[in-house]
Amino acid sequence: MRISKGALLIVIAFIAPLIVELRTVLAWVNVELTLLESAVLGIGLIGVILVWALWPQEGTSESAG
């Protein structure tokens, strides 16, 4: 795992306010995001972070011991 479980939880917890504020910032430049689009974006972002966090690092062999 590339990041500790606690740090991963904190990063995922910060995604929700980030998405909400992104909707606000985009509204200033006349780009409207619906709630569904925001939810899909948030879930996609969490998915990318989880894939990155759980992907094994190159150069480390956890199974060797």
Protein backbone atom coordinates (compact mmCIF):
# COMPACT_ATOMS: atom_id res chain seq x y z
CA MET A 1 0.00 0.00 0.00
CA ARG A 2 1.40 3.38 -0.96
CA ILE A 3 -0.27 5.35 1.83
CA SER A 4 -1.38 4.49 5.35
CA LYS A 5 -5.01 3.60 5.95
CA GLY A 6 -5.54 6.63 8.17
CA ALA A 7 -4.08 9.03 5.62
CA LEU A 8 -6.16 7.43 2.88
CA LEU A 9 -9.30 7.97 4.94
CA ILE A 10 -8.40 11.64 5.45
CA VAL A 11 -7.76 12.14 1.72
CA ILE A 12 -11.11 10.56 0.84
CA ALA A 13 -12.86 12.72 3.48
CA PHE A 14 -11.48 15.86 1.82
CA ILE A 15 -12.92 14.86 -1.56
CA ALA A 16 -16.52 15.83 -0.64
CA PRO A 17 -15.80 19.49 0.23
CA LEU A 18 -13.48 19.70 -2.76
CA ILE A 19 -16.25 18.62 -5.14
CA VAL A 20 -18.79 21.00 -3.53
CA GLU A 21 -16.40 23.93 -3.82
CA LEU A 22 -15.52 22.94 -7.38
CA ARG A 23 -19.19 23.34 -8.29
CA THR A 24 -19.12 26.83 -6.79
CA VAL A 25 -15.96 27.86 -8.63
CA LEU A 26 -17.25 26.51 -11.92
CA ALA A 27 -20.54 28.41 -11.45
CA TRP A 28 -18.52 31.65 -11.47
CA VAL A 29 -17.40 30.89 -15.01
CA ASN A 30 -20.90 29.78 -16.12
CA VAL A 31 -20.22 26.03 -16.02
CA GLU A 32 -23.07 24.24 -14.28
CA LEU A 33 -22.56 20.80 -12.75
CA THR A 34 -25.62 18.83 -11.69
CA LEU A 35 -25.67 16.81 -8.50
CA LEU A 36 -25.40 13.61 -10.52
CA GLU A 37 -22.36 14.90 -12.41
CA SER A 38 -20.77 15.97 -9.14
CA ALA A 39 -21.43 12.56 -7.58
CA VAL A 40 -19.95 10.76 -10.59
CA LEU A 41 -16.91 13.04 -10.49
CA GLY A 42 -16.45 12.42 -6.75
CA ILE A 43 -16.83 8.65 -7.06
CA GLY A 44 -14.44 8.62 -10.01
CA LEU A 45 -11.88 10.66 -8.10
CA ILE A 46 -12.15 8.37 -5.08
CA GLY A 47 -11.78 5.37 -7.37
CA VAL A 48 -8.61 6.78 -8.93
CA ILE A 49 -7.14 7.49 -5.49
CA LEU A 50 -8.00 3.97 -4.29
CA VAL A 51 -6.45 2.36 -7.36
CA TRP A 52 -3.31 4.43 -6.88
CA ALA A 53 -3.15 3.65 -3.14
CA LEU A 54 -3.69 -0.09 -3.53
CA TRP A 55 -1.47 -0.58 -6.59
CA PRO A 56 1.76 -2.31 -5.53
CA GLN A 57 4.87 -0.17 -5.64
CA GLU A 58 7.55 -1.12 -8.09
CA GLY A 59 10.79 -2.29 -6.52
CA THR A 60 9.20 -3.64 -3.36
CA SER A 61 8.37 -7.29 -2.93
CA GLU A 62 5.87 -7.70 -0.13
CA SER A 63 5.47 -11.43 -0.72
CA ALA A 64 9.20 -12.12 -0.44
CA GLY A 65 10.28 -12.77 3.05
